[in-house]
Amino acid sequence: MRLREIFGTNLRRLRHASGLSQEELAHRAGINRNYVGLLERAANSPTLDTIERLAEELAVDPVQFFEKPSGR
């Protein structure tokens, strides 16, 4: 699994755990909703600034975005 895919999988998992829609997370983080979808589908790579904003809004350590999902 590529790092971009790991990030996208974890972003989706953490967003769902927070009970946020892509639209709500994007609004809170100050980014476009379509961009959140692209990140979750591993169609785009985030900047460090974007990672930091997403982590803040999800109240997680940014490192959690890069942990390999169990069973893979």
PDB file of N, CA and C in Angstrom:
ATOM      1  N   MET A   1       0.843  -1.169   0.000  1.00  0.00           N
ATOM      2  CA  MET A   1       0.000   0.000   0.000  1.00  0.00           C
ATOM      3  C   MET A   1       0.897   1.243   0.000  1.00  0.00           C
ATOM      4  N   ARG A   2       0.610   2.152  -0.903  1.00  0.00           N
ATOM      5  CA  ARG A   2       1.391   3.391  -1.012  1.00  0.00           C
ATOM      6  C   ARG A   2       1.035   4.347   0.125  1.00  0.00           C
ATOM      7  N   LEU A   3       1.955   5.230   0.446  1.00  0.00           N
ATOM      8  CA  LEU A   3       1.752   6.180   1.532  1.00  0.00           C
ATOM      9  C   LEU A   3       0.510   7.038   1.301  1.00  0.00           C
ATOM     10  N   ARG A   4       0.281   7.419   0.063  1.00  0.00           N
ATOM     11  CA  ARG A   4      -0.900   8.219  -0.270  1.00  0.00           C
ATOM     12  C   ARG A   4      -2.181   7.442   0.057  1.00  0.00           C
ATOM     13  N   GLU A   5      -2.177   6.142  -0.202  1.00  0.00           N
ATOM     14  CA  GLU A   5      -3.344   5.304   0.103  1.00  0.00           C
ATOM     15  C   GLU A   5      -3.528   5.133   1.610  1.00  0.00           C
ATOM     16  N   ILE A   6      -2.433   4.976   2.323  1.00  0.00           N
ATOM     17  CA  ILE A   6      -2.490   4.864   3.783  1.00  0.00           C
ATOM     18  C   ILE A   6      -3.088   6.142   4.367  1.00  0.00           C
ATOM     19  N   PHE A   7      -2.608   7.283   3.875  1.00  0.00           N
ATOM     20  CA  PHE A   7      -3.141   8.559   4.353  1.00  0.00           C
ATOM     21  C   PHE A   7      -4.641   8.648   4.090  1.00  0.00           C
ATOM     22  N   GLY A   8      -5.066   8.350   2.880  1.00  0.00           N
ATOM     23  CA  GLY A   8      -6.474   8.443   2.514  1.00  0.00           C
ATOM     24  C   GLY A   8      -7.363   7.524   3.338  1.00  0.00           C
ATOM     25  N   THR A   9      -6.908   6.301   3.538  1.00  0.00           N
ATOM     26  CA  THR A   9      -7.667   5.335   4.345  1.00  0.00           C
ATOM     27  C   THR A   9      -7.817   5.832   5.773  1.00  0.00           C
ATOM     28  N   ASN A  10      -6.733   6.336   6.335  1.00  0.00           N
ATOM     29  CA  ASN A  10      -6.780   6.824   7.717  1.00  0.00           C
ATOM     30  C   ASN A  10      -7.589   8.108   7.834  1.00  0.00           C
ATOM     31  N   LEU A  11      -7.499   8.976   6.853  1.00  0.00           N
ATOM     32  CA  LEU A  11      -8.299  10.201   6.875  1.00  0.00           C
ATOM     33  C   LEU A  11      -9.784   9.850   6.904  1.00  0.00           C
ATOM     34  N   ARG A  12     -10.202   8.939   6.046  1.00  0.00           N
ATOM     35  CA  ARG A  12     -11.608   8.523   6.011  1.00  0.00           C
ATOM     36  C   ARG A  12     -12.022   7.895   7.346  1.00  0.00           C
ATOM     37  N   ARG A  13     -11.193   7.015   7.878  1.00  0.00           N
ATOM     38  CA  ARG A  13     -11.494   6.339   9.146  1.00  0.00           C
ATOM     39  C   ARG A  13     -11.617   7.356  10.286  1.00  0.00           C
ATOM     40  N   LEU A  14     -10.673   8.275  10.374  1.00  0.00           N
ATOM     41  CA  LEU A  14     -10.688   9.275  11.441  1.00  0.00           C
ATOM     42  C   LEU A  14     -11.849  10.251  11.284  1.00  0.00           C
ATOM     43  N   ARG A  15     -12.173  10.585  10.057  1.00  0.00           N
ATOM     44  CA  ARG A  15     -13.311  11.484   9.800  1.00  0.00           C
ATOM     45  C   ARG A  15     -14.609  10.806  10.230  1.00  0.00           C
ATOM     46  N   HIS A  16     -14.775   9.543   9.838  1.00  0.00           N
ATOM     47  CA  HIS A  16     -15.982   8.804  10.242  1.00  0.00           C
ATOM     48  C   HIS A  16     -16.065   8.686  11.761  1.00  0.00           C
ATOM     49  N   ALA A  17     -14.938   8.418  12.401  1.00  0.00           N
ATOM     50  CA  ALA A  17     -14.910   8.283  13.862  1.00  0.00           C
ATOM     51  C   ALA A  17     -15.316   9.586  14.547  1.00  0.00           C
ATOM     52  N   SER A  18     -15.051  10.701  13.884  1.00  0.00           N
ATOM     53  CA  SER A  18     -15.416  12.011  14.429  1.00  0.00           C
ATOM     54  C   SER A  18     -16.851  12.396  14.090  1.00  0.00           C
ATOM     55  N   GLY A  19     -17.488  11.597  13.238  1.00  0.00           N
ATOM     56  CA  GLY A  19     -18.869  11.869  12.860  1.00  0.00           C
ATOM     57  C   GLY A  19     -19.032  13.053  11.926  1.00  0.00           C
ATOM     58  N   LEU A  20     -17.975  13.368  11.182  1.00  0.00           N
ATOM     59  CA  LEU A  20     -18.016  14.512  10.271  1.00  0.00           C
ATOM     60  C   LEU A  20     -18.189  14.064   8.826  1.00  0.00           C
ATOM     61  N   SER A  21     -18.919  14.850   8.068  1.00  0.00           N
ATOM     62  CA  SER A  21     -19.005  14.638   6.625  1.00  0.00           C
ATOM     63  C   SER A  21     -17.762  15.248   5.985  1.00  0.00           C
ATOM     64  N   GLN A  22     -17.509  14.897   4.740  1.00  0.00           N
ATOM     65  CA  GLN A  22     -16.405  15.527   4.019  1.00  0.00           C
ATOM     66  C   GLN A  22     -16.602  17.037   3.971  1.00  0.00           C
ATOM     67  N   GLU A  23     -17.831  17.438   3.737  1.00  0.00           N
ATOM     68  CA  GLU A  23     -18.141  18.869   3.637  1.00  0.00           C
ATOM     69  C   GLU A  23     -17.857  19.607   4.946  1.00  0.00           C
ATOM     70  N   GLU A  24     -18.270  19.026   6.062  1.00  0.00           N
ATOM     71  CA  GLU A  24     -18.055  19.677   7.361  1.00  0.00           C
ATOM     72  C   GLU A  24     -16.570  19.738   7.706  1.00  0.00           C
ATOM     73  N   LEU A  25     -15.854  18.651   7.489  1.00  0.00           N
ATOM     74  CA  LEU A  25     -14.417  18.655   7.755  1.00  0.00           C
ATOM     75  C   LEU A  25     -13.715  19.691   6.887  1.00  0.00           C
ATOM     76  N   ALA A  26     -14.062  19.725   5.620  1.00  0.00           N
ATOM     77  CA  ALA A  26     -13.445  20.693   4.702  1.00  0.00           C
ATOM     78  C   ALA A  26     -13.720  22.116   5.173  1.00  0.00           C
ATOM     79  N   HIS A  27     -14.950  22.390   5.550  1.00  0.00           N
ATOM     80  CA  HIS A  27     -15.308  23.734   6.012  1.00  0.00           C
ATOM     81  C   HIS A  27     -14.483  24.121   7.238  1.00  0.00           C
ATOM     82  N   ARG A  28     -14.410  23.220   8.205  1.00  0.00           N
ATOM     83  CA  ARG A  28     -13.657  23.504   9.435  1.00  0.00           C
ATOM     84  C   ARG A  28     -12.170  23.692   9.173  1.00  0.00           C
ATOM     85  N   ALA A  29     -11.623  22.915   8.233  1.00  0.00           N
ATOM     86  CA  ALA A  29     -10.188  22.983   7.929  1.00  0.00           C
ATOM     87  C   ALA A  29      -9.855  24.074   6.918  1.00  0.00           C
ATOM     88  N   GLY A  30     -10.875  24.692   6.332  1.00  0.00           N
ATOM     89  CA  GLY A  30     -10.632  25.762   5.364  1.00  0.00           C
ATOM     90  C   GLY A  30     -10.134  25.265   4.019  1.00  0.00           C
ATOM     91  N   ILE A  31     -10.596  24.066   3.636  1.00  0.00           N
ATOM     92  CA  ILE A  31     -10.215  23.520   2.329  1.00  0.00           C
ATOM     93  C   ILE A  31     -11.476  23.115   1.566  1.00  0.00           C
ATOM     94  N   ASN A  32     -11.322  22.804   0.306  1.00  0.00           N
ATOM     95  CA  ASN A  32     -12.436  22.437  -0.558  1.00  0.00           C
ATOM     96  C   ASN A  32     -12.911  21.014  -0.262  1.00  0.00           C
ATOM     97  N   ARG A  33     -14.230  20.803  -0.250  1.00  0.00           N
ATOM     98  CA  ARG A  33     -14.789  19.474   0.006  1.00  0.00           C
ATOM     99  C   ARG A  33     -14.315  18.462  -1.013  1.00  0.00           C
ATOM    100  N   ASN A  34     -14.223  18.880  -2.274  1.00  0.00           N
ATOM    101  CA  ASN A  34     -13.758  17.956  -3.309  1.00  0.00           C
ATOM    102  C   ASN A  34     -12.329  17.501  -3.039  1.00  0.00           C
ATOM    103  N   TYR A  35     -11.535  18.374  -2.459  1.00  0.00           N
ATOM    104  CA  TYR A  35     -10.148  18.039  -2.137  1.00  0.00           C
ATOM    105  C   TYR A  35     -10.098  16.949  -1.069  1.00  0.00           C
ATOM    106  N   VAL A  36     -10.989  17.011  -0.089  1.00  0.00           N
ATOM    107  CA  VAL A  36     -11.046  15.961   0.939  1.00  0.00           C
ATOM    108  C   VAL A  36     -11.339  14.623   0.271  1.00  0.00           C
ATOM    109  N   GLY A  37     -12.276  14.611  -0.669  1.00  0.00           N
ATOM    110  CA  GLY A  37     -12.588  13.385  -1.392  1.00  0.00           C
ATOM    111  C   GLY A  37     -11.401  12.863  -2.183  1.00  0.00           C
ATOM    112  N   LEU A  38     -10.683  13.772  -2.820  1.00  0.00           N
ATOM    113  CA  LEU A  38      -9.489  13.373  -3.579  1.00  0.00           C
ATOM    114  C   LEU A  38      -8.432  12.769  -2.653  1.00  0.00           C
ATOM    115  N   LEU A  39      -8.281  13.351  -1.474  1.00  0.00           N
ATOM    116  CA  LEU A  39      -7.311  12.812  -0.516  1.00  0.00           C
ATOM    117  C   LEU A  39      -7.728  11.424  -0.043  1.00  0.00           C
ATOM    118  N   GLU A  40      -9.001  11.260   0.258  1.00  0.00           N
ATOM    119  CA  GLU A  40      -9.481   9.964   0.744  1.00  0.00           C
ATOM    120  C   GLU A  40      -9.379   8.878  -0.324  1.00  0.00           C
ATOM    121  N   ARG A  41      -9.500   9.250  -1.577  1.00  0.00           N
ATOM    122  CA  ARG A  41      -9.388   8.275  -2.676  1.00  0.00           C
ATOM    123  C   ARG A  41      -7.948   8.125  -3.170  1.00  0.00           C
ATOM    124  N   ALA A  42      -7.021   8.799  -2.504  1.00  0.00           N
ATOM    125  CA  ALA A  42      -5.593   8.753  -2.855  1.00  0.00           C
ATOM    126  C   ALA A  42      -5.337   9.279  -4.264  1.00  0.00           C
ATOM    127  N   ALA A  43      -6.174  10.211  -4.710  1.00  0.00           N
ATOM    128  CA  ALA A  43      -5.997  10.810  -6.029  1.00  0.00           C
ATOM    129  C   ALA A  43      -5.145  12.071  -5.966  1.00  0.00           C
ATOM    130  N   ASN A  44      -4.834  12.509  -4.746  1.00  0.00           N
ATOM    131  CA  ASN A  44      -4.026  13.706  -4.566  1.00  0.00           C
ATOM    132  C   ASN A  44      -3.212  13.547  -3.291  1.00  0.00           C
ATOM    133  N   SER A  45      -2.134  14.321  -3.189  1.00  0.00           N
ATOM    134  CA  SER A  45      -1.285  14.300  -1.996  1.00  0.00           C
ATOM    135  C   SER A  45      -1.438  15.612  -1.242  1.00  0.00           C
ATOM    136  N   PRO A  46      -1.572  15.550   0.086  1.00  0.00           N
ATOM    137  CA  PRO A  46      -1.734  16.773   0.867  1.00  0.00           C
ATOM    138  C   PRO A  46      -0.399  17.454   1.159  1.00  0.00           C
ATOM    139  N   THR A  47      -0.471  18.752   1.395  1.00  0.00           N
ATOM    140  CA  THR A  47       0.705  19.479   1.867  1.00  0.00           C
ATOM    141  C   THR A  47       0.809  19.281   3.375  1.00  0.00           C
ATOM    142  N   LEU A  48       1.945  19.630   3.943  1.00  0.00           N
ATOM    143  CA  LEU A  48       2.098  19.540   5.389  1.00  0.00           C
ATOM    144  C   LEU A  48       1.116  20.465   6.095  1.00  0.00           C
ATOM    145  N   ASP A  49       0.881  21.642   5.530  1.00  0.00           N
ATOM    146  CA  ASP A  49      -0.084  22.570   6.123  1.00  0.00           C
ATOM    147  C   ASP A  49      -1.486  21.957   6.163  1.00  0.00           C
ATOM    148  N   THR A  50      -1.863  21.266   5.093  1.00  0.00           N
ATOM    149  CA  THR A  50      -3.177  20.623   5.044  1.00  0.00           C
ATOM    150  C   THR A  50      -3.261  19.494   6.062  1.00  0.00           C
ATOM    151  N   ILE A  51      -2.220  18.708   6.170  1.00  0.00           N
ATOM    152  CA  ILE A  51      -2.183  17.632   7.161  1.00  0.00           C
ATOM    153  C   ILE A  51      -2.361  18.209   8.560  1.00  0.00           C
ATOM    154  N   GLU A  52      -1.670  19.293   8.829  1.00  0.00           N
ATOM    155  CA  GLU A  52      -1.761  19.930  10.138  1.00  0.00           C
ATOM    156  C   GLU A  52      -3.181  20.423  10.426  1.00  0.00           C
ATOM    157  N   ARG A  53      -3.820  21.066   9.452  1.00  0.00           N
ATOM    158  CA  ARG A  53      -5.188  21.574   9.640  1.00  0.00           C
ATOM    159  C   ARG A  53      -6.174  20.419   9.850  1.00  0.00           C
ATOM    160  N   LEU A  54      -6.044  19.357   9.052  1.00  0.00           N
ATOM    161  CA  LEU A  54      -6.940  18.208   9.198  1.00  0.00           C
ATOM    162  C   LEU A  54      -6.769  17.559  10.569  1.00  0.00           C
ATOM    163  N   ALA A  55      -5.534  17.409  11.006  1.00  0.00           N
ATOM    164  CA  ALA A  55      -5.267  16.809  12.314  1.00  0.00           C
ATOM    165  C   ALA A  55      -5.867  17.659  13.431  1.00  0.00           C
ATOM    166  N   GLU A  56      -5.740  18.963  13.319  1.00  0.00           N
ATOM    167  CA  GLU A  56      -6.314  19.853  14.331  1.00  0.00           C
ATOM    168  C   GLU A  56      -7.833  19.695  14.400  1.00  0.00           C
ATOM    169  N   GLU A  57      -8.478  19.662  13.255  1.00  0.00           N
ATOM    170  CA  GLU A  57      -9.937  19.565  13.224  1.00  0.00           C
ATOM    171  C   GLU A  57     -10.437  18.199  13.671  1.00  0.00           C
ATOM    172  N   LEU A  58      -9.643  17.168  13.451  1.00  0.00           N
ATOM    173  CA  LEU A  58     -10.023  15.822  13.879  1.00  0.00           C
ATOM    174  C   LEU A  58      -9.514  15.506  15.279  1.00  0.00           C
ATOM    175  N   ALA A  59      -8.752  16.442  15.869  1.00  0.00           N
ATOM    176  CA  ALA A  59      -8.184  16.279  17.213  1.00  0.00           C
ATOM    177  C   ALA A  59      -7.351  15.008  17.332  1.00  0.00           C
ATOM    178  N   VAL A  60      -6.455  14.831  16.355  1.00  0.00           N
ATOM    179  CA  VAL A  60      -5.561  13.670  16.353  1.00  0.00           C
ATOM    180  C   VAL A  60      -4.132  14.133  16.127  1.00  0.00           C
ATOM    181  N   ASP A  61      -3.203  13.263  16.463  1.00  0.00           N
ATOM    182  CA  ASP A  61      -1.797  13.506  16.162  1.00  0.00           C
ATOM    183  C   ASP A  61      -1.615  13.241  14.668  1.00  0.00           C
ATOM    184  N   PRO A  62      -0.956  14.124  13.933  1.00  0.00           N
ATOM    185  CA  PRO A  62      -0.781  13.917  12.491  1.00  0.00           C
ATOM    186  C   PRO A  62      -0.147  12.571  12.136  1.00  0.00           C
ATOM    187  N   VAL A  63       0.608  12.000  13.041  1.00  0.00           N
ATOM    188  CA  VAL A  63       1.245  10.709  12.805  1.00  0.00           C
ATOM    189  C   VAL A  63       0.200   9.627  12.533  1.00  0.00           C
ATOM    190  N   GLN A  64      -0.997   9.778  13.101  1.00  0.00           N
ATOM    191  CA  GLN A  64      -2.046   8.770  12.913  1.00  0.00           C
ATOM    192  C   GLN A  64      -2.451   8.621  11.450  1.00  0.00           C
ATOM    193  N   PHE A  65      -2.247   9.641  10.643  1.00  0.00           N
ATOM    194  CA  PHE A  65      -2.580   9.546   9.228  1.00  0.00           C
ATOM    195  C   PHE A  65      -1.672   8.558   8.492  1.00  0.00           C
ATOM    196  N   PHE A  66      -0.518   8.255   9.080  1.00  0.00           N
ATOM    197  CA  PHE A  66       0.487   7.452   8.383  1.00  0.00           C
ATOM    198  C   PHE A  66       0.700   6.063   8.968  1.00  0.00           C
ATOM    199  N   GLU A  67      -0.137   5.677   9.922  1.00  0.00           N
ATOM    200  CA  GLU A  67      -0.031   4.344  10.500  1.00  0.00           C
ATOM    201  C   GLU A  67      -0.687   3.341   9.569  1.00  0.00           C
ATOM    202  N   LYS A  68       0.034   2.260   9.279  1.00  0.00           N
ATOM    203  CA  LYS A  68      -0.520   1.239   8.391  1.00  0.00           C
ATOM    204  C   LYS A  68      -1.745   0.598   9.031  1.00  0.00           C
ATOM    205  N   PRO A  69      -2.833   0.511   8.266  1.00  0.00           N
ATOM    206  CA  PRO A  69      -4.034  -0.139   8.796  1.00  0.00           C
ATOM    207  C   PRO A  69      -3.746  -1.602   9.135  1.00  0.00           C
ATOM    208  N   SER A  70      -4.327  -2.091  10.213  1.00  0.00           N
ATOM    209  CA  SER A  70      -4.116  -3.486  10.585  1.00  0.00           C
ATOM    210  C   SER A  70      -4.732  -4.427   9.567  1.00  0.00           C
ATOM    211  N   GLY A  71      -4.091  -5.561   9.370  1.00  0.00           N
ATOM    212  CA  GLY A  71      -4.599  -6.548   8.432  1.00  0.00           C
ATOM    213  C   GLY A  71      -4.186  -6.321   6.994  1.00  0.00           C
ATOM    214  N   ARG A  72      -3.251  -5.385   6.773  1.00  0.00           N
ATOM    215  CA  ARG A  72      -2.821  -5.112   5.394  1.00  0.00           C
ATOM    216  C   ARG A  72      -1.350  -5.227   5.260  1.00  0.00           C
TER     217      ARG A  72
END
